[in-house]
Amino acid sequence: MQEKIHRAFNLPSSVYEGLLDEAEDQVGRLRDMFPLSEHDRIALRSYDEAFLVRFTYNSAAIEGSTLTLADTELVLEGEFMPSDAGSKRLRDVFAARGIAEGCEYAQEALESGRPLTEELVKDVHEKTALDCQPRTRGSYRTSAVYISGSETVPASATRLREFMADLVFACDRSAEPAIVKAAAFHAMFEMIHPFQDGNGRAGRILLNYLLGQAGYPPIAIKASLRSDYLRALEDWQVRDDPRLLIASVARCVADESAARRAGLEETRAAVAASAR
């Protein structure tokens, strides 16, 4: 597993040639719109609020949550509790709240300039895994785990500390492009599976943390593409083929950058029209 981690962060550029072009172009076009006016900041704040709901819904749904997008918005507003335990499980409500709290914690850490360390990984998991037993939150697992329906074999519980240290070190030293590095960390983190539960949710927040460190917008992997997403992870973890996951992350970065830019363009057009 150590060799696999090392390879993930030292890929030949031919592996991802052409996969990042659209994302880099869209990110560049978004950056060209800075600095922002007060109207721009209001527009992006509204976008961020909607994004948090969308990210929370999709991340929870990938893990099997029964909450709808509308339910998720109500949960984050503190106005929703399931009346039917069979279809709207109470655990799903706690999971949604945890994802939102994990995102907010990670954003604060990002803004304060905290580096990605094992301590940060544990802190993000502790905030995110609200539906898990308190003793397991923010603590590496002490038992074997298995990923249903996947050929991926998680790391032995006896070597988690060793592999997580390797992962953080390799990520920190990697010279790969930001999207590639973030995707590599996500694939290897999910392969190690350091926690008893909540690895997927915490891992997707950490993926966005790495993107944010490089000045890229956060992404929300769609629950409707769950099968493709899980196959992309497995391709990298089992077959050493990173292309599908890198392409998926790059596509999401391009889409999010374009959406944010469109909101700014609409705002600026409206401001200009009102000034006439």
C-alpha atoms as a PDB file:
ATOM      1  CA  MET A   1       0.000   0.000   0.000  1.00  0.00           C
ATOM      2  CA  GLN A   2       2.891   2.390   0.668  1.00  0.00           C
ATOM      3  CA  GLU A   3       4.109   1.974  -2.903  1.00  0.00           C
ATOM      4  CA  LYS A   4       0.599   2.610  -4.222  1.00  0.00           C
ATOM      5  CA  ILE A   5       0.385   5.818  -2.188  1.00  0.00           C
ATOM      6  CA  HIS A   6       3.757   6.958  -3.531  1.00  0.00           C
ATOM      7  CA  ARG A   7       2.732   6.275  -7.148  1.00  0.00           C
ATOM      8  CA  ALA A   8      -0.559   8.144  -6.737  1.00  0.00           C
ATOM      9  CA  PHE A   9       1.282  11.399  -6.050  1.00  0.00           C
ATOM     10  CA  ASN A  10       3.996  10.907  -8.640  1.00  0.00           C
ATOM     11  CA  LEU A  11       2.114  10.285 -11.871  1.00  0.00           C
ATOM     12  CA  PRO A  12       3.631  10.913 -15.303  1.00  0.00           C
ATOM     13  CA  SER A  13       1.895  13.869 -16.926  1.00  0.00           C
ATOM     14  CA  SER A  14       0.882  11.634 -19.837  1.00  0.00           C
ATOM     15  CA  VAL A  15      -1.641   9.948 -17.519  1.00  0.00           C
ATOM     16  CA  TYR A  16      -3.769  13.089 -17.191  1.00  0.00           C
ATOM     17  CA  GLU A  17      -2.806  14.860 -20.420  1.00  0.00           C
ATOM     18  CA  GLY A  18      -5.837  16.735 -21.743  1.00  0.00           C
ATOM     19  CA  LEU A  19      -8.005  15.922 -18.717  1.00  0.00           C
ATOM     20  CA  LEU A  20      -7.413  19.224 -16.914  1.00  0.00           C
ATOM     21  CA  ASP A  21      -7.621  21.730 -19.771  1.00  0.00           C
ATOM     22  CA  GLU A  22     -11.288  22.713 -19.476  1.00  0.00           C
ATOM     23  CA  ALA A  23     -11.113  22.954 -15.694  1.00  0.00           C
ATOM     24  CA  GLU A  24      -8.019  25.142 -15.769  1.00  0.00           C
ATOM     25  CA  ASP A  25      -9.613  27.367 -18.408  1.00  0.00           C
ATOM     26  CA  GLN A  26     -12.808  27.829 -16.368  1.00  0.00           C
ATOM     27  CA  VAL A  27     -10.888  28.470 -13.152  1.00  0.00           C
ATOM     28  CA  GLY A  28      -8.772  31.059 -14.963  1.00  0.00           C
ATOM     29  CA  ARG A  29     -11.864  32.809 -16.332  1.00  0.00           C
ATOM     30  CA  LEU A  30     -13.375  32.895 -12.826  1.00  0.00           C
ATOM     31  CA  ARG A  31     -10.178  34.354 -11.362  1.00  0.00           C
ATOM     32  CA  ASP A  32     -10.183  37.028 -14.045  1.00  0.00           C
ATOM     33  CA  MET A  33     -13.359  38.426 -12.455  1.00  0.00           C
ATOM     34  CA  PHE A  34     -11.523  39.343  -9.270  1.00  0.00           C
ATOM     35  CA  PRO A  35     -11.327  41.642  -7.356  1.00  0.00           C
ATOM     36  CA  LEU A  36     -14.969  41.513  -6.323  1.00  0.00           C
ATOM     37  CA  SER A  37     -17.374  44.328  -5.619  1.00  0.00           C
ATOM     38  CA  GLU A  38     -19.780  44.266  -2.677  1.00  0.00           C
ATOM     39  CA  HIS A  39     -22.538  43.130  -5.060  1.00  0.00           C
ATOM     40  CA  ASP A  40     -20.279  40.326  -6.274  1.00  0.00           C
ATOM     41  CA  ARG A  41     -19.582  39.184  -2.708  1.00  0.00           C
ATOM     42  CA  ILE A  42     -23.296  39.096  -1.937  1.00  0.00           C
ATOM     43  CA  ALA A  43     -23.895  36.956  -5.031  1.00  0.00           C
ATOM     44  CA  LEU A  44     -21.126  34.503  -4.118  1.00  0.00           C
ATOM     45  CA  ARG A  45     -22.327  34.324  -0.521  1.00  0.00           C
ATOM     46  CA  SER A  46     -25.753  33.291  -1.803  1.00  0.00           C
ATOM     47  CA  TYR A  47     -24.124  30.742  -4.105  1.00  0.00           C
ATOM     48  CA  ASP A  48     -22.080  29.329  -1.215  1.00  0.00           C
ATOM     49  CA  GLU A  49     -25.183  28.909   0.925  1.00  0.00           C
ATOM     50  CA  ALA A  50     -26.953  27.002  -1.843  1.00  0.00           C
ATOM     51  CA  PHE A  51     -23.804  24.989  -2.525  1.00  0.00           C
ATOM     52  CA  LEU A  52     -23.589  23.841   1.092  1.00  0.00           C
ATOM     53  CA  VAL A  53     -27.094  22.404   0.869  1.00  0.00           C
ATOM     54  CA  ARG A  54     -26.317  20.767  -2.468  1.00  0.00           C
ATOM     55  CA  PHE A  55     -23.024  19.317  -1.264  1.00  0.00           C
ATOM     56  CA  THR A  56     -24.606  18.013   1.938  1.00  0.00           C
ATOM     57  CA  TYR A  57     -27.484  16.394   0.078  1.00  0.00           C
ATOM     58  CA  ASN A  58     -25.293  14.707  -2.526  1.00  0.00           C
ATOM     59  CA  SER A  59     -22.618  13.539  -0.094  1.00  0.00           C
ATOM     60  CA  ALA A  60     -25.219  12.054   2.243  1.00  0.00           C
ATOM     61  CA  ALA A  61     -27.175  10.484  -0.621  1.00  0.00           C
ATOM     62  CA  ILE A  62     -24.030   8.761  -1.919  1.00  0.00           C
ATOM     63  CA  GLU A  63     -23.931   7.007   1.460  1.00  0.00           C
ATOM     64  CA  GLY A  64     -27.604   6.008   1.264  1.00  0.00           C
ATOM     65  CA  SER A  65     -29.403   8.890   2.977  1.00  0.00           C
ATOM     66  CA  THR A  66     -33.160   9.043   2.432  1.00  0.00           C
ATOM     67  CA  LEU A  67     -33.356  12.843   2.691  1.00  0.00           C
ATOM     68  CA  THR A  68     -34.341  14.848  -0.362  1.00  0.00           C
ATOM     69  CA  LEU A  69     -32.680  18.105  -1.372  1.00  0.00           C
ATOM     70  CA  ALA A  70     -35.627  20.021   0.127  1.00  0.00           C
ATOM     71  CA  ASP A  71     -35.407  17.965   3.331  1.00  0.00           C
ATOM     72  CA  THR A  72     -31.699  18.745   3.553  1.00  0.00           C
ATOM     73  CA  GLU A  73     -32.308  22.488   3.321  1.00  0.00           C
ATOM     74  CA  LEU A  74     -34.824  22.277   6.167  1.00  0.00           C
ATOM     75  CA  VAL A  75     -32.414  20.206   8.258  1.00  0.00           C
ATOM     76  CA  LEU A  76     -29.659  22.781   7.858  1.00  0.00           C
ATOM     77  CA  GLU A  77     -32.135  25.498   8.810  1.00  0.00           C
ATOM     78  CA  GLY A  78     -33.044  23.515  11.938  1.00  0.00           C
ATOM     79  CA  GLU A  79     -36.657  23.070  10.880  1.00  0.00           C
ATOM     80  CA  PHE A  80     -36.892  19.407   9.929  1.00  0.00           C
ATOM     81  CA  MET A  81     -37.324  16.237  11.964  1.00  0.00           C
ATOM     82  CA  PRO A  82     -38.512  12.947  10.431  1.00  0.00           C
ATOM     83  CA  SER A  83     -42.093  12.045  11.209  1.00  0.00           C
ATOM     84  CA  ASP A  84     -41.786   8.621   9.590  1.00  0.00           C
ATOM     85  CA  ALA A  85     -38.790   6.752  10.987  1.00  0.00           C
ATOM     86  CA  GLY A  86     -39.085   4.210   8.204  1.00  0.00           C
ATOM     87  CA  SER A  87     -38.474   6.646   5.373  1.00  0.00           C
ATOM     88  CA  LYS A  88     -36.777   9.648   6.935  1.00  0.00           C
ATOM     89  CA  ARG A  89     -34.378   8.109   9.398  1.00  0.00           C
ATOM     90  CA  LEU A  90     -33.238  10.175  12.343  1.00  0.00           C
ATOM     91  CA  ARG A  91     -29.663   9.100  11.624  1.00  0.00           C
ATOM     92  CA  ASP A  92     -29.922  10.744   8.194  1.00  0.00           C
ATOM     93  CA  VAL A  93     -30.740  14.045   9.889  1.00  0.00           C
ATOM     94  CA  PHE A  94     -27.666  13.812  12.121  1.00  0.00           C
ATOM     95  CA  ALA A  95     -25.537  12.790   9.127  1.00  0.00           C
ATOM     96  CA  ALA A  96     -26.688  15.847   7.166  1.00  0.00           C
ATOM     97  CA  ARG A  97     -26.028  18.165  10.083  1.00  0.00           C
ATOM     98  CA  GLY A  98     -22.594  16.615  10.486  1.00  0.00           C
ATOM     99  CA  ILE A  99     -21.642  17.125   6.851  1.00  0.00           C
ATOM    100  CA  ALA A 100     -22.607  20.793   7.039  1.00  0.00           C
ATOM    101  CA  GLU A 101     -20.699  21.265  10.293  1.00  0.00           C
ATOM    102  CA  GLY A 102     -17.679  19.476   8.829  1.00  0.00           C
ATOM    103  CA  CYS A 103     -17.758  21.780   5.795  1.00  0.00           C
ATOM    104  CA  GLU A 104     -17.984  24.875   7.954  1.00  0.00           C
ATOM    105  CA  TYR A 105     -15.151  23.685  10.187  1.00  0.00           C
ATOM    106  CA  ALA A 106     -12.954  22.916   7.170  1.00  0.00           C
ATOM    107  CA  GLN A 107     -13.693  26.336   5.672  1.00  0.00           C
ATOM    108  CA  GLU A 108     -12.633  28.056   8.888  1.00  0.00           C
ATOM    109  CA  ALA A 109      -9.452  25.966   8.948  1.00  0.00           C
ATOM    110  CA  LEU A 110      -8.786  26.844   5.314  1.00  0.00           C
ATOM    111  CA  GLU A 111      -9.234  30.551   5.946  1.00  0.00           C
ATOM    112  CA  SER A 112      -6.864  30.375   8.929  1.00  0.00           C
ATOM    113  CA  GLY A 113      -4.202  28.729   6.765  1.00  0.00           C
ATOM    114  CA  ARG A 114      -4.018  25.375   8.543  1.00  0.00           C
ATOM    115  CA  PRO A 115      -2.033  22.793   6.574  1.00  0.00           C
ATOM    116  CA  LEU A 116      -3.464  19.368   5.850  1.00  0.00           C
ATOM    117  CA  THR A 117      -2.251  17.183   8.722  1.00  0.00           C
ATOM    118  CA  GLU A 118      -3.441  14.035  10.447  1.00  0.00           C
ATOM    119  CA  GLU A 119      -4.760  16.236  13.236  1.00  0.00           C
ATOM    120  CA  LEU A 120      -6.888  18.197  10.765  1.00  0.00           C
ATOM    121  CA  VAL A 121      -8.146  14.964   9.174  1.00  0.00           C
ATOM    122  CA  LYS A 122      -9.260  13.705  12.593  1.00  0.00           C
ATOM    123  CA  ASP A 123     -10.841  17.043  13.497  1.00  0.00           C
ATOM    124  CA  VAL A 124     -12.839  17.133  10.261  1.00  0.00           C
ATOM    125  CA  HIS A 125     -14.054  13.578  10.831  1.00  0.00           C
ATOM    126  CA  GLU A 126     -15.048  14.368  14.415  1.00  0.00           C
ATOM    127  CA  LYS A 127     -17.165  17.298  13.261  1.00  0.00           C
ATOM    128  CA  THR A 128     -18.634  15.410  10.291  1.00  0.00           C
ATOM    129  CA  ALA A 129     -19.568  12.009  11.746  1.00  0.00           C
ATOM    130  CA  LEU A 130     -22.370  13.207  14.049  1.00  0.00           C
ATOM    131  CA  ASP A 131     -24.355  10.047  13.379  1.00  0.00           C
ATOM    132  CA  CYS A 132     -21.510   7.811  14.619  1.00  0.00           C
ATOM    133  CA  GLN A 133     -20.703   6.658  18.136  1.00  0.00           C
ATOM    134  CA  PRO A 134     -18.802   9.425  19.999  1.00  0.00           C
ATOM    135  CA  ARG A 135     -15.838   7.136  20.721  1.00  0.00           C
ATOM    136  CA  THR A 136     -15.278   6.528  16.989  1.00  0.00           C
ATOM    137  CA  ARG A 137     -15.428  10.164  15.899  1.00  0.00           C
ATOM    138  CA  GLY A 138     -12.013  11.592  15.134  1.00  0.00           C
ATOM    139  CA  SER A 139     -10.270   8.341  16.138  1.00  0.00           C
ATOM    140  CA  TYR A 140      -8.680   5.795  13.820  1.00  0.00           C
ATOM    141  CA  ARG A 141     -10.507   2.497  13.816  1.00  0.00           C
ATOM    142  CA  THR A 142      -9.240  -0.476  15.803  1.00  0.00           C
ATOM    143  CA  SER A 143     -11.002  -3.198  13.840  1.00  0.00           C
ATOM    144  CA  ALA A 144     -11.157  -4.514  10.294  1.00  0.00           C
ATOM    145  CA  VAL A 145     -13.647  -2.975   7.851  1.00  0.00           C
ATOM    146  CA  TYR A 146     -14.945  -4.098   4.476  1.00  0.00           C
ATOM    147  CA  ILE A 147     -16.369  -2.081   1.588  1.00  0.00           C
ATOM    148  CA  SER A 148     -19.520  -3.725   0.276  1.00  0.00           C
ATOM    149  CA  GLY A 149     -19.654  -4.277  -3.465  1.00  0.00           C
ATOM    150  CA  SER A 150     -16.043  -3.210  -4.026  1.00  0.00           C
ATOM    151  CA  GLU A 151     -12.798  -5.008  -4.769  1.00  0.00           C
ATOM    152  CA  THR A 152     -10.902  -2.439  -2.696  1.00  0.00           C
ATOM    153  CA  VAL A 153      -9.305  -3.892   0.431  1.00  0.00           C
ATOM    154  CA  PRO A 154      -8.903  -1.263   3.178  1.00  0.00           C
ATOM    155  CA  ALA A 155      -5.718  -1.031   5.189  1.00  0.00           C
ATOM    156  CA  SER A 156      -5.135  -3.266   8.184  1.00  0.00           C
ATOM    157  CA  ALA A 157      -6.159  -1.547  11.402  1.00  0.00           C
ATOM    158  CA  THR A 158      -2.685  -2.261  12.791  1.00  0.00           C
ATOM    159  CA  ARG A 159      -1.020  -0.085  10.135  1.00  0.00           C
ATOM    160  CA  LEU A 160      -3.401   2.863   9.880  1.00  0.00           C
ATOM    161  CA  ARG A 161      -1.113   5.347  11.603  1.00  0.00           C
ATOM    162  CA  GLU A 162       1.762   4.350   9.350  1.00  0.00           C
ATOM    163  CA  PHE A 163      -0.270   4.646   6.146  1.00  0.00           C
ATOM    164  CA  MET A 164      -1.965   7.913   7.124  1.00  0.00           C
ATOM    165  CA  ALA A 165       1.423   9.452   7.914  1.00  0.00           C
ATOM    166  CA  ASP A 166       2.636   8.271   4.497  1.00  0.00           C
ATOM    167  CA  LEU A 167      -0.453   9.728   2.826  1.00  0.00           C
ATOM    168  CA  VAL A 168      -0.126  13.180   4.376  1.00  0.00           C
ATOM    169  CA  PHE A 169       3.625  13.257   3.697  1.00  0.00           C
ATOM    170  CA  ALA A 170       3.245  12.183   0.068  1.00  0.00           C
ATOM    171  CA  CYS A 171       0.488  14.724  -0.526  1.00  0.00           C
ATOM    172  CA  ASP A 172       2.525  17.533   1.027  1.00  0.00           C
ATOM    173  CA  ARG A 173       5.592  16.721  -1.101  1.00  0.00           C
ATOM    174  CA  SER A 174       3.734  16.122  -4.360  1.00  0.00           C
ATOM    175  CA  ALA A 175       4.359  18.451  -7.296  1.00  0.00           C
ATOM    176  CA  GLU A 176       1.285  17.268  -9.207  1.00  0.00           C
ATOM    177  CA  PRO A 177      -1.335  19.798 -10.390  1.00  0.00           C
ATOM    178  CA  ALA A 178      -3.864  20.708  -7.700  1.00  0.00           C
ATOM    179  CA  ILE A 179      -6.735  18.698  -9.211  1.00  0.00           C
ATOM    180  CA  VAL A 180      -4.569  15.611  -9.582  1.00  0.00           C
ATOM    181  CA  LYS A 181      -3.212  15.933  -6.041  1.00  0.00           C
ATOM    182  CA  ALA A 182      -6.690  16.374  -4.548  1.00  0.00           C
ATOM    183  CA  ALA A 183      -8.050  13.392  -6.477  1.00  0.00           C
ATOM    184  CA  ALA A 184      -5.042  11.279  -5.456  1.00  0.00           C
ATOM    185  CA  PHE A 185      -5.530  12.112  -1.788  1.00  0.00           C
ATOM    186  CA  HIS A 186      -9.209  11.241  -2.006  1.00  0.00           C
ATOM    187  CA  ALA A 187      -8.592   7.891  -3.703  1.00  0.00           C
ATOM    188  CA  MET A 188      -5.856   6.878  -1.266  1.00  0.00           C
ATOM    189  CA  PHE A 189      -7.740   8.134   1.795  1.00  0.00           C
ATOM    190  CA  GLU A 190     -10.786   6.062   0.870  1.00  0.00           C
ATOM    191  CA  MET A 191      -8.549   3.055   0.210  1.00  0.00           C
ATOM    192  CA  ILE A 192      -6.936   3.331   3.648  1.00  0.00           C
ATOM    193  CA  HIS A 193     -10.402   3.859   5.204  1.00  0.00           C
ATOM    194  CA  PRO A 194      -8.973   5.132   8.504  1.00  0.00           C
ATOM    195  CA  PHE A 195     -12.246   5.485  10.400  1.00  0.00           C
ATOM    196  CA  GLN A 196     -14.895   2.977  11.372  1.00  0.00           C
ATOM    197  CA  ASP A 197     -17.568   4.946   9.506  1.00  0.00           C
ATOM    198  CA  GLY A 198     -17.931   8.316   7.788  1.00  0.00           C
ATOM    199  CA  ASN A 199     -14.851   7.977   5.573  1.00  0.00           C
ATOM    200  CA  GLY A 200     -16.674   8.948   2.388  1.00  0.00           C
ATOM    201  CA  ARG A 201     -18.247  12.087   3.820  1.00  0.00           C
ATOM    202  CA  ALA A 202     -15.055  13.260   5.518  1.00  0.00           C
ATOM    203  CA  GLY A 203     -13.027  12.346   2.432  1.00  0.00           C
ATOM    204  CA  ARG A 204     -15.113  14.503   0.130  1.00  0.00           C
ATOM    205  CA  ILE A 205     -14.735  17.465   2.504  1.00  0.00           C
ATOM    206  CA  LEU A 206     -10.963  16.926   2.554  1.00  0.00           C
ATOM    207  CA  LEU A 207     -10.959  16.730  -1.249  1.00  0.00           C
ATOM    208  CA  ASN A 208     -12.480  20.208  -1.292  1.00  0.00           C
ATOM    209  CA  TYR A 209     -10.000  21.359   1.345  1.00  0.00           C
ATOM    210  CA  LEU A 210      -7.119  20.527  -0.972  1.00  0.00           C
ATOM    211  CA  LEU A 211      -8.827  22.218  -3.901  1.00  0.00           C
ATOM    212  CA  GLY A 212      -9.420  25.274  -1.735  1.00  0.00           C
ATOM    213  CA  GLN A 213      -5.764  25.440  -0.711  1.00  0.00           C
ATOM    214  CA  ALA A 214      -4.921  25.879  -4.392  1.00  0.00           C
ATOM    215  CA  GLY A 215      -7.614  28.522  -4.915  1.00  0.00           C
ATOM    216  CA  TYR A 216     -10.071  26.235  -6.709  1.00  0.00           C
ATOM    217  CA  PRO A 217     -13.813  26.173  -5.935  1.00  0.00           C
ATOM    218  CA  PRO A 218     -15.278  23.277  -3.937  1.00  0.00           C
ATOM    219  CA  ILE A 219     -17.155  20.589  -5.834  1.00  0.00           C
ATOM    220  CA  ALA A 220     -20.219  18.453  -5.153  1.00  0.00           C
ATOM    221  CA  ILE A 221     -20.061  14.975  -6.667  1.00  0.00           C
ATOM    222  CA  LYS A 222     -23.620  14.148  -7.721  1.00  0.00           C
ATOM    223  CA  ALA A 223     -25.390  11.248  -6.043  1.00  0.00           C
ATOM    224  CA  SER A 224     -26.942  10.445  -9.431  1.00  0.00           C
ATOM    225  CA  LEU A 225     -23.413   9.578 -10.605  1.00  0.00           C
ATOM    226  CA  ARG A 226     -22.685   7.399  -7.565  1.00  0.00           C
ATOM    227  CA  SER A 227     -21.905   4.260  -9.594  1.00  0.00           C
ATOM    228  CA  ASP A 228     -19.466   6.106 -11.845  1.00  0.00           C
ATOM    229  CA  TYR A 229     -17.828   7.758  -8.836  1.00  0.00           C
ATOM    230  CA  LEU A 230     -17.360   4.477  -6.954  1.00  0.00           C
ATOM    231  CA  ARG A 231     -16.026   2.807 -10.088  1.00  0.00           C
ATOM    232  CA  ALA A 232     -13.540   5.657 -10.549  1.00  0.00           C
ATOM    233  CA  LEU A 233     -12.283   5.198  -6.990  1.00  0.00           C
ATOM    234  CA  GLU A 234     -11.975   1.446  -7.464  1.00  0.00           C
ATOM    235  CA  ASP A 235     -10.178   1.851 -10.795  1.00  0.00           C
ATOM    236  CA  TRP A 236      -7.447   3.830  -9.069  1.00  0.00           C
ATOM    237  CA  GLN A 237      -7.308   1.782  -5.866  1.00  0.00           C
ATOM    238  CA  VAL A 238      -7.406  -1.687  -7.434  1.00  0.00           C
ATOM    239  CA  ARG A 239      -6.269  -1.297 -11.041  1.00  0.00           C
ATOM    240  CA  ASP A 240      -3.899   1.686 -10.719  1.00  0.00           C
ATOM    241  CA  ASP A 241      -5.901   3.613 -13.310  1.00  0.00           C
ATOM    242  CA  PRO A 242      -6.449   7.191 -12.109  1.00  0.00           C
ATOM    243  CA  ARG A 243      -7.888   8.679 -15.274  1.00  0.00           C
ATOM    244  CA  LEU A 244     -11.603   8.340 -14.556  1.00  0.00           C
ATOM    245  CA  LEU A 245     -11.416   9.941 -11.108  1.00  0.00           C
ATOM    246  CA  ILE A 246      -9.144  12.758 -12.271  1.00  0.00           C
ATOM    247  CA  ALA A 247     -11.482  13.435 -15.196  1.00  0.00           C
ATOM    248  CA  SER A 248     -14.515  13.403 -12.883  1.00  0.00           C
ATOM    249  CA  VAL A 249     -12.986  15.852 -10.406  1.00  0.00           C
ATOM    250  CA  ALA A 250     -11.801  18.091 -13.255  1.00  0.00           C
ATOM    251  CA  ARG A 251     -15.279  18.104 -14.794  1.00  0.00           C
ATOM    252  CA  CYS A 252     -16.815  19.128 -11.473  1.00  0.00           C
ATOM    253  CA  VAL A 253     -14.247  21.905 -11.025  1.00  0.00           C
ATOM    254  CA  ALA A 254     -15.021  23.214 -14.518  1.00  0.00           C
ATOM    255  CA  ASP A 255     -18.774  23.155 -13.884  1.00  0.00           C
ATOM    256  CA  GLU A 256     -18.537  24.873 -10.497  1.00  0.00           C
ATOM    257  CA  SER A 257     -16.199  27.556 -11.831  1.00  0.00           C
ATOM    258  CA  ALA A 258     -18.508  28.235 -14.773  1.00  0.00           C
ATOM    259  CA  ALA A 259     -21.561  28.442 -12.498  1.00  0.00           C
ATOM    260  CA  ARG A 260     -19.878  30.897 -10.148  1.00  0.00           C
ATOM    261  CA  ARG A 261     -18.707  33.029 -13.042  1.00  0.00           C
ATOM    262  CA  ALA A 262     -22.221  33.049 -14.534  1.00  0.00           C
ATOM    263  CA  GLY A 263     -23.611  34.330 -11.241  1.00  0.00           C
ATOM    264  CA  LEU A 264     -21.057  37.134 -11.160  1.00  0.00           C
ATOM    265  CA  GLU A 265     -21.749  38.073 -14.773  1.00  0.00           C
ATOM    266  CA  GLU A 266     -25.495  38.215 -14.079  1.00  0.00           C
ATOM    267  CA  THR A 267     -24.890  40.365 -11.009  1.00  0.00           C
ATOM    268  CA  ARG A 268     -22.661  42.803 -12.873  1.00  0.00           C
ATOM    269  CA  ALA A 269     -25.133  43.078 -15.723  1.00  0.00           C
ATOM    270  CA  ALA A 270     -27.948  43.828 -13.281  1.00  0.00           C
ATOM    271  CA  VAL A 271     -25.860  46.453 -11.455  1.00  0.00           C
ATOM    272  CA  ALA A 272     -24.923  48.093 -14.749  1.00  0.00           C
ATOM    273  CA  ALA A 273     -28.555  48.140 -15.909  1.00  0.00           C
ATOM    274  CA  SER A 274     -29.724  49.736 -12.658  1.00  0.00           C
ATOM    275  CA  ALA A 275     -27.158  52.499 -13.006  1.00  0.00           C
ATOM    276  CA  ARG A 276     -28.424  53.624 -16.396  1.00  0.00           C
END
